[in-house]
Protein backbone atom coordinates (compact mmCIF):
# COMPACT_ATOMS: atom_id res chain seq x y z
CA UNK A 1 -0.28 0.10 0.28
CA UNK A 2 1.01 4.03 -0.78
CA UNK A 3 2.97 5.83 2.31
CA UNK A 4 2.94 9.38 2.26
CA UNK A 5 5.99 10.91 2.80
CA UNK A 6 5.67 14.79 3.93
CA UNK A 7 8.29 17.56 4.66
CA UNK A 8 10.17 15.94 7.79
CA UNK A 9 10.56 19.04 10.37
CA UNK A 10 15.11 18.24 10.98
CA UNK A 11 14.88 21.01 13.35
CA UNK A 12 13.16 22.15 16.32
CA UNK A 13 12.75 25.91 14.96
CA UNK A 14 12.23 24.52 11.45
CA UNK A 15 8.72 25.30 9.90
CA UNK A 16 9.64 25.14 6.51
CA UNK A 17 11.70 23.56 3.66
CA UNK A 18 13.37 24.02 0.37
CA UNK A 19 14.17 20.53 -1.40
CA UNK A 20 17.56 21.50 -2.57
CA UNK A 21 18.55 18.19 -5.23
CA UNK A 22 16.27 14.74 -5.08
CA UNK A 23 19.33 11.76 -5.14
CA UNK A 24 16.02 9.30 -6.48
CA UNK A 25 13.54 10.08 -9.35
CA UNK A 26 10.47 8.50 -9.99
CA UNK A 27 10.65 4.98 -10.93
CA UNK A 28 13.48 3.87 -9.04
CA UNK A 29 13.37 1.21 -6.24
CA UNK A 30 13.87 2.27 -2.71
CA UNK A 31 15.04 0.52 0.32
CA UNK A 32 14.60 1.16 4.25
CA UNK A 33 17.57 3.90 5.07
CA UNK A 34 17.65 4.81 0.96
CA UNK A 35 19.06 9.09 1.21
CA UNK A 36 15.55 9.87 -0.72
CA UNK A 37 16.95 14.31 -0.87
CA UNK A 38 18.61 16.95 0.67
CA UNK A 39 16.50 19.22 2.39
CA UNK A 40 17.61 22.45 3.61
CA UNK A 41 15.99 23.93 6.77
CA UNK A 42 16.83 26.42 8.84
CA UNK A 43 20.06 25.68 10.14
CA UNK A 44 21.26 22.83 7.68
CA UNK A 45 21.18 21.09 4.22
CA UNK A 46 20.70 17.42 5.44
CA UNK A 47 20.53 14.20 3.90
CA UNK A 48 16.64 12.82 3.95
CA UNK A 49 16.38 8.86 3.82
CA UNK A 50 13.08 6.73 3.51
CA UNK A 51 12.23 4.98 6.20
CA UNK A 52 9.83 3.17 3.93
CA UNK A 53 10.61 0.42 0.87
CA UNK A 54 8.95 0.13 -2.93
CA UNK A 55 8.90 1.76 -5.55
CA UNK A 56 9.14 6.16 -5.72
CA UNK A 57 5.34 6.26 -7.20
CA UNK A 58 5.43 10.51 -7.11
CA UNK A 59 6.91 13.64 -5.94
CA UNK A 60 5.27 16.51 -4.68
CA UNK A 61 8.35 19.12 -4.87
CA UNK A 62 10.60 19.58 -7.70
CA UNK A 63 14.71 21.28 -7.13
CA UNK A 64 14.75 24.37 -5.41
CA UNK A 65 11.07 24.59 -4.37
CA UNK A 66 9.57 24.65 -1.05
CA UNK A 67 7.13 24.19 1.13
CA UNK A 68 6.01 23.80 4.69
CA UNK A 69 6.48 21.35 7.34
CA UNK A 70 3.95 18.08 6.97
CA UNK A 71 3.42 18.90 2.86
CA UNK A 72 3.60 16.58 0.90
CA UNK A 73 6.98 15.45 -0.45
CA UNK A 74 6.89 12.20 -2.41
CA UNK A 75 4.50 8.87 -2.60
CA UNK A 76 6.92 5.20 -2.01
CA UNK A 77 4.39 1.96 -2.81
CA UNK A 78 3.68 -0.53 -4.99
CA UNK A 79 5.00 0.20 -8.56
CA UNK A 80 2.22 0.45 -11.17
CA UNK A 81 0.00 1.80 -8.27
CA UNK A 82 -2.62 4.55 -9.08
CA UNK A 83 -1.60 7.63 -6.41
CA UNK A 84 -4.12 10.02 -7.78
CA UNK A 85 -6.73 9.26 -5.48
CA UNK A 86 -4.46 10.04 -2.32
CA UNK A 87 -3.11 12.98 -3.67
CA UNK A 88 -6.16 14.64 -3.83
CA UNK A 89 -7.04 13.44 -0.16
CA UNK A 90 -4.28 14.37 1.37
CA UNK A 91 -4.76 17.76 -0.33
CA UNK A 92 -7.98 17.82 1.14
CA UNK A 93 -7.09 17.25 4.51
CA UNK A 94 -4.16 19.54 4.16
CA UNK A 95 -6.17 22.20 3.22
CA UNK A 96 -8.88 21.65 5.38
CA UNK A 97 -6.30 21.90 8.46
CA UNK A 98 -4.52 24.42 7.12
CA UNK A 99 -8.25 26.33 7.35
CA UNK A 100 -8.64 25.47 10.53
CA UNK A 101 -5.34 26.72 11.72
CA UNK A 102 -5.56 29.74 10.51
CA UNK A 103 -9.35 30.72 11.18
CA UNK A 104 -7.91 29.51 15.34
CA UNK A 105 -5.72 32.23 14.33
CA UNK A 106 -7.62 35.02 13.21
CA UNK A 107 -10.56 34.81 15.88
CA UNK A 108 -7.39 34.73 18.46
CA UNK A 109 -6.59 38.19 16.51
CA UNK A 110 -9.73 39.41 17.10
CA UNK A 111 -10.22 39.11 20.89
CA UNK A 112 -7.49 40.18 21.63
CA UNK A 113 -7.51 43.22 19.76
CA UNK A 114 -10.91 43.42 20.77
CA UNK A 115 -12.50 46.72 19.21
CA UNK A 116 -9.35 47.98 18.14
CA UNK A 117 -9.80 47.83 13.64
CA UNK A 118 -7.43 45.71 11.48
CA UNK A 119 -6.68 46.79 8.09
CA UNK A 120 -5.85 44.07 5.87
CA UNK A 121 -4.46 45.35 2.42
CA UNK A 122 -4.05 43.04 -0.67
CA UNK A 123 -0.44 42.20 -1.26
CA UNK A 124 1.35 43.47 -4.67
CA UNK A 125 1.66 39.84 -6.88
CA UNK A 126 5.74 39.12 -6.64
CA UNK A 127 6.92 39.46 -9.95
CA UNK A 128 8.63 36.37 -10.95
CA UNK A 129 12.47 35.78 -9.93
CA UNK A 130 14.33 35.26 -13.69
CA UNK A 131 12.74 38.28 -14.73
CA UNK A 132 15.19 41.10 -15.37
CA UNK A 133 13.73 44.81 -14.52
CA UNK A 134 14.99 48.21 -15.03
CA UNK A 135 16.05 48.21 -11.64
CA UNK A 136 18.61 46.07 -12.27
CA UNK A 137 18.90 41.71 -12.40
CA UNK A 138 17.86 39.71 -9.91
CA UNK A 139 19.45 35.53 -9.99
CA UNK A 140 17.36 32.97 -7.51
CA UNK A 141 19.69 29.83 -7.62
CA UNK A 142 19.86 26.85 -5.14
CA UNK A 143 22.77 26.45 -2.45
CA UNK A 144 24.08 23.26 -5.11
CA UNK A 145 23.29 25.21 -8.09
CA UNK A 146 25.53 28.29 -6.91
CA UNK A 147 28.13 25.83 -6.01
CA UNK A 148 28.67 24.28 -8.89
CA UNK A 149 28.60 27.72 -10.77
CA UNK A 150 31.64 28.95 -8.65
CA UNK A 151 33.13 25.25 -9.16
CA UNK A 152 32.51 25.59 -12.70
CA UNK A 153 33.44 29.37 -13.00
CA UNK A 154 29.78 29.94 -14.38
CA UNK A 155 28.00 33.44 -13.91
CA UNK A 156 24.33 32.57 -12.76
CA UNK A 157 22.91 35.92 -14.62
CA UNK A 158 23.60 33.71 -17.75
CA UNK A 159 21.80 30.64 -17.26
CA UNK A 160 17.58 30.12 -17.52
CA UNK A 161 16.29 28.67 -14.39
CA UNK A 162 13.72 26.16 -14.79
CA UNK A 163 12.75 25.55 -11.09
CA UNK A 164 9.85 27.31 -8.83
CA UNK A 165 10.02 30.96 -10.08
CA UNK A 166 12.66 31.15 -12.54
CA UNK A 167 15.07 29.57 -9.94
CA UNK A 168 18.79 28.41 -11.20
CA UNK A 169 19.14 24.58 -9.41
CA UNK A 170 21.27 22.07 -10.16
CA UNK A 171 20.30 20.82 -13.40
CA UNK A 172 20.76 23.84 -15.54
CA UNK A 173 24.07 24.72 -14.44
CA UNK A 174 25.22 21.40 -15.37
CA UNK A 175 23.23 21.50 -18.51
CA UNK A 176 24.57 25.11 -19.12
CA UNK A 177 26.29 25.78 -22.21
CA UNK A 178 27.67 29.23 -22.99
CA UNK A 179 26.97 30.61 -26.60
CA UNK A 180 30.01 32.07 -28.29
CA UNK A 181 28.08 35.09 -28.65
CA UNK A 182 27.96 36.04 -25.37
CA UNK A 183 31.53 34.55 -24.89
CA UNK A 184 32.50 37.45 -27.04
CA UNK A 185 30.07 39.96 -26.01
CA UNK A 186 31.52 39.60 -22.54
CA UNK A 187 34.76 39.88 -23.47
CA UNK A 188 35.20 42.69 -25.36
CA UNK A 189 31.89 43.78 -23.03
CA UNK A 190 32.24 48.11 -21.97
CA UNK A 191 31.38 49.89 -19.07
CA UNK A 192 27.69 50.60 -18.77
CA UNK A 193 27.06 54.12 -17.28
CA UNK A 194 23.66 54.86 -16.74
CA UNK A 195 21.55 57.28 -14.76
CA UNK A 196 19.01 54.57 -13.45
CA UNK A 197 18.85 53.33 -9.89
CA UNK A 198 20.22 49.77 -9.47
CA UNK A 199 20.11 47.34 -6.87
CA UNK A 200 20.08 43.38 -6.03
CA UNK A 201 17.98 41.15 -4.17
CA UNK A 202 17.72 37.40 -3.26
CA UNK A 203 15.10 35.51 -1.21
CA UNK A 204 16.26 35.16 2.96
CA UNK A 205 17.48 31.60 3.30
CA UNK A 206 15.28 29.33 5.80
CA UNK A 207 18.99 30.01 7.69
CA UNK A 208 18.81 33.64 7.48
CA UNK A 209 15.47 34.41 8.62
CA UNK A 210 16.03 32.52 12.12
CA UNK A 211 19.42 34.14 13.04
CA UNK A 212 17.72 37.48 11.97
CA UNK A 213 14.84 36.19 14.40
CA UNK A 214 16.55 34.76 17.46
CA UNK A 215 19.36 37.85 17.31
CA UNK A 216 16.38 40.44 17.61
CA UNK A 217 14.46 38.53 20.50
CA UNK A 218 17.92 38.64 22.15
CA UNK A 219 18.95 42.16 21.62
CA UNK A 220 15.48 42.73 22.49
CA UNK A 221 15.02 40.66 25.47
CA UNK A 222 17.69 41.05 27.29
CA UNK A 223 19.72 43.46 28.62
CA UNK A 224 23.18 43.47 27.78
CA UNK A 225 26.30 45.15 29.21
CA UNK A 226 29.44 44.60 27.91
CA UNK A 227 32.84 44.57 30.03
CA UNK A 228 36.46 44.38 28.06
CA UNK A 229 39.87 43.22 28.91
CA UNK A 230 42.91 43.93 27.92
CA UNK A 231 45.28 40.67 27.75
CA UNK A 232 49.36 40.06 27.98
CA UNK A 233 49.84 37.52 25.00
CA UNK A 234 53.69 37.68 25.19
CA UNK A 235 53.36 34.77 27.21
CA UNK A 236 50.36 32.72 25.65
CA UNK A 237 52.60 33.30 22.04
CA UNK A 238 56.04 31.43 23.21
CA UNK A 239 53.45 28.36 25.27
CA UNK A 240 51.36 28.05 22.40
CA UNK A 241 54.28 27.75 19.76
CA UNK A 242 55.98 25.50 22.18
CA UNK A 243 53.74 23.27 22.54
CA UNK A 244 53.12 22.95 19.01
CA UNK A 245 56.20 21.43 18.76
CA UNK A 246 55.38 18.15 20.41
CA UNK A 247 54.73 15.59 17.60
CA UNK A 248 51.55 15.77 16.27
CA UNK A 249 50.17 18.11 18.34
CA UNK A 250 48.67 21.82 16.75
CA UNK A 251 47.00 24.35 18.76
CA UNK A 252 44.94 28.05 17.57
CA UNK A 253 45.09 30.76 19.41
CA UNK A 254 41.36 30.62 19.14
CA UNK A 255 41.60 26.57 21.42
CA UNK A 256 43.46 28.36 24.21
CA UNK A 257 40.57 31.19 24.42
CA UNK A 258 38.09 28.21 24.49
CA UNK A 259 40.05 26.03 26.80
CA UNK A 260 40.72 28.86 29.35
CA UNK A 261 36.87 30.02 29.49
CA UNK A 262 35.93 26.44 29.74
CA UNK A 263 38.29 26.28 33.21
CA UNK A 264 37.10 30.26 34.26
CA UNK A 265 33.64 28.89 34.37
CA UNK A 266 34.45 26.30 36.42
CA UNK A 267 34.82 28.87 39.06
CA UNK A 268 32.63 30.94 37.95
CA UNK A 269 29.40 29.04 37.14
CA UNK A 270 26.77 32.19 37.66
CA UNK A 271 28.31 33.05 34.13
CA UNK A 272 27.71 29.49 32.92
CA UNK A 273 23.75 30.16 33.40
CA UNK A 274 20.32 31.36 31.61
CA UNK A 275 17.53 33.06 31.43
CA UNK A 276 13.89 31.55 31.61
CA UNK A 277 10.53 33.53 32.24
CA UNK A 278 9.66 31.64 35.58
CA UNK A 279 13.73 30.34 36.43
CA UNK A 280 16.80 30.50 36.83
CA UNK A 281 19.06 27.65 35.87
CA UNK A 282 22.88 27.42 36.42
CA UNK A 283 24.81 24.95 34.48
CA UNK A 284 27.57 22.33 36.41
CA UNK A 285 28.28 21.07 33.12
CA UNK A 286 29.94 23.54 30.24
CA UNK A 287 29.02 22.77 26.48
CA UNK A 288 30.93 26.09 24.69
CA UNK A 289 29.35 27.16 20.99
CA UNK A 290 31.52 28.45 18.96
CA UNK A 291 31.11 30.61 16.25
CA UNK A 292 31.69 29.73 12.78
CA UNK A 293 31.09 32.23 9.73
CA UNK A 294 28.40 30.03 6.78
CA UNK A 295 27.57 31.77 3.47
CA UNK A 296 24.12 32.38 5.06
CA UNK A 297 25.03 33.44 8.10
CA UNK A 298 26.39 31.80 11.54
CA UNK A 299 25.88 28.96 13.10
CA UNK A 300 26.87 28.30 16.07
CA UNK A 301 28.30 24.12 16.76
CA UNK A 302 29.31 22.94 20.06
CA UNK A 303 31.56 20.65 22.34
CA UNK A 304 30.20 19.09 25.30
CA UNK A 305 32.35 19.74 28.01
CA UNK A 306 34.43 21.09 26.79
CA UNK A 307 36.18 22.02 30.55
CA UNK A 308 37.11 17.84 30.33
CA UNK A 309 38.52 17.99 27.28
CA UNK A 310 42.79 18.75 25.86
CA UNK A 311 43.81 22.24 24.10
CA UNK A 312 44.81 19.45 20.95
CA UNK A 313 40.94 17.94 21.79
CA UNK A 314 39.44 21.10 21.08
CA UNK A 315 41.07 22.38 18.17
CA UNK A 316 39.81 18.28 16.78
CA UNK A 317 36.79 19.03 17.23
CA UNK A 318 36.53 23.12 16.01
CA UNK A 319 38.44 21.83 13.02
CA UNK A 320 35.92 19.36 12.31
CA UNK A 321 32.52 21.28 13.26
CA UNK A 322 33.46 24.06 11.49
CA UNK A 323 34.44 22.67 8.06
CA UNK A 324 30.40 20.03 8.23
CA UNK A 325 29.48 23.69 8.82
CA UNK A 326 30.47 25.81 5.68
CA UNK A 327 29.02 22.41 3.30
CA UNK A 328 25.95 22.71 6.09
CA UNK A 329 26.50 19.16 7.36
CA UNK A 330 25.55 19.75 10.67
CA UNK A 331 23.08 17.56 12.05
CA UNK A 332 20.23 20.26 14.85
CA UNK A 333 21.91 18.29 17.64
CA UNK A 334 25.78 19.67 17.41
CA UNK A 335 24.15 22.91 17.16
CA UNK A 336 21.76 22.63 20.61
CA UNK A 337 22.98 22.25 23.94
CA UNK A 338 26.01 25.64 24.54
CA UNK A 339 26.00 27.39 28.36
CA UNK A 340 28.22 29.63 26.99
CA UNK A 341 29.86 31.33 23.19
CA UNK A 342 32.71 31.96 21.91
CA UNK A 343 32.88 34.43 18.65
CA UNK A 344 36.30 35.37 17.09
CA UNK A 345 37.10 38.03 14.27
CA UNK A 346 40.51 38.25 16.03
CA UNK A 347 41.88 36.54 12.46
CA UNK A 348 40.02 39.34 9.80
CA UNK A 349 41.94 42.20 12.12
CA UNK A 350 39.31 43.05 13.99
CA UNK A 351 40.55 44.74 17.67
CA UNK A 352 37.59 45.09 19.10
CA UNK A 353 33.49 44.40 19.20
CA UNK A 354 31.00 43.37 20.93
CA UNK A 355 28.46 40.10 19.79
CA UNK A 356 24.78 39.19 20.47
CA UNK A 357 24.05 36.93 23.30
CA UNK A 358 23.23 33.11 22.04
CA UNK A 359 19.80 33.03 24.41
CA UNK A 360 19.21 31.53 26.37
CA UNK A 361 22.85 31.72 27.62
CA UNK A 362 24.12 34.64 29.49
CA UNK A 363 27.41 35.66 28.18
CA UNK A 364 28.89 35.73 25.03
CA UNK A 365 33.00 36.14 24.10
CA UNK A 366 34.15 38.15 21.96
CA UNK A 367 37.74 37.92 20.90
CA UNK A 368 39.92 40.49 18.48
CA UNK A 369 42.94 40.44 16.69
CA UNK A 370 46.52 39.75 18.68
CA UNK A 371 47.95 44.23 18.38
CA UNK A 372 51.13 44.17 18.77
CA UNK A 373 52.06 47.92 20.47
CA UNK A 374 53.80 49.84 23.38
CA UNK A 375 53.60 48.40 26.16
CA UNK A 376 55.14 49.22 29.89
CA UNK A 377 56.64 46.21 31.73
CA UNK A 378 59.09 46.85 34.12
CA UNK A 379 58.45 50.60 34.59
CA UNK A 380 59.28 50.53 30.86
CA UNK A 381 57.83 51.07 27.10
CA UNK A 382 59.08 48.17 25.39
CA UNK A 383 57.11 46.30 22.60
CA UNK A 384 54.13 43.70 23.21
CA UNK A 385 51.43 41.60 22.08
CA UNK A 386 48.51 41.92 23.28
CA UNK A 387 44.76 41.65 22.44
CA UNK A 388 41.37 42.58 23.55
CA UNK A 389 38.51 40.37 25.23
CA UNK A 390 34.72 42.27 25.63
CA UNK A 391 31.78 40.02 27.30
CA UNK A 392 28.15 40.46 26.85
CA UNK A 393 26.34 39.62 30.10
CA UNK A 394 23.13 39.31 30.64
CA UNK A 395 22.48 41.85 33.69
CA UNK A 396 19.34 39.65 34.50
CA UNK A 397 21.68 36.52 35.31
CA UNK A 398 25.05 38.15 35.58
CA UNK A 399 26.57 41.23 37.71
CA UNK A 400 28.65 42.92 37.17
CA UNK A 401 31.23 42.15 39.69
CA UNK A 402 30.79 38.25 38.49
CA UNK A 403 31.77 38.87 34.95
CA UNK A 404 34.00 41.13 35.96
CA UNK A 405 35.99 37.81 38.54
CA UNK A 406 35.32 35.85 35.61
CA UNK A 407 37.17 37.62 32.91
CA UNK A 408 40.26 38.26 35.63
CA UNK A 409 40.49 34.57 35.86
CA UNK A 410 40.38 33.57 32.03
CA UNK A 411 43.08 36.40 31.40
CA UNK A 412 45.29 34.48 33.98
CA UNK A 413 44.55 31.47 32.72
CA UNK A 414 45.48 33.09 28.87
CA UNK A 415 48.33 34.66 30.31
CA UNK A 416 49.51 31.25 31.78
CA UNK A 417 48.78 28.53 29.60
CA UNK A 418 50.93 26.11 31.32
CA UNK A 419 48.32 26.31 34.06
CA UNK A 420 45.82 24.58 31.83
CA UNK A 421 47.83 21.38 30.81
CA UNK A 422 47.37 20.11 34.28
């Protein structure tokens, strides 16, 4: 008997998914555990495996198309089985459920607004994404299509999209053949001077929407304040050099900061806390999230029980997680459960910055670059190396004295890395 496969909820915050790429086609034999497709969620692109056996009879969404969770994704059954009635019944029940939910939501809005007048404006129909306008060209492409185009050196503006609303998908890039005319015209093209304003737009990904929502919620609900400290890095530089001379050992300054943060949290557990409306939780386990920049924004993979791991172990985990984050191969579980976060922009030459707290955590550490500058040592001005760190705290859980004490302990560990090797 045919079974309906719906858009799965692959993360706790996912409300909509995009089919990045189908790995099976209609008519293929499916075994339990086979990967059906790659689904782009608000956090990552994940492989979606089948829990059913049979033949893939129907695909409800093409590559690049999106749909809410629980929408019809595919049907698996016996070869030759008629699924038309099944599709109609599903669509009918799905529409009824959606209408009921909408009615309930509208009723709630009416009850809340009571005598207030509600004005509903009819939205202007959206222009097809592939359409070229006098205000510029807008090219929408799936993440996989962008990746392939970049590898092949293909300009996506010259590719005709066959996905939803003109979206460029994998097959468009793979089948793209540049014409001789376009190649010649591109090579001899002259700069165009125009008095027309222009801009470029792209559809916000599920990840970008979630990042925007969570950061706004954090910034406007948690009373942030910031504590900045400058750390002497001369001893840390010498210690790291000595550590890396050991066989099969490679430690970065970021690994050193993450380890120092974990050990400082062990001594100041109030900073390792989380705020909830009805309670404050002080965590006795230390799971540090490390902010990683990806194409669509920022993700925070988590290193569990960080204080119990060596700098070498931390470095290996961060390297693995960061690499898979950039390929969108992290699982939701690997991005959940942090109790504290470290964000490092030092490798980009940023001396000092502040971060927005990754709620429900109470604090996040911003790490700047190591800078060579004149410093005073033993009453003499000498050339030294310093690094600025900034702790953003939620004043509901971490008072100024508590945050300051944490930073002083962090400073001691970083300036004396040998104390973290015990």
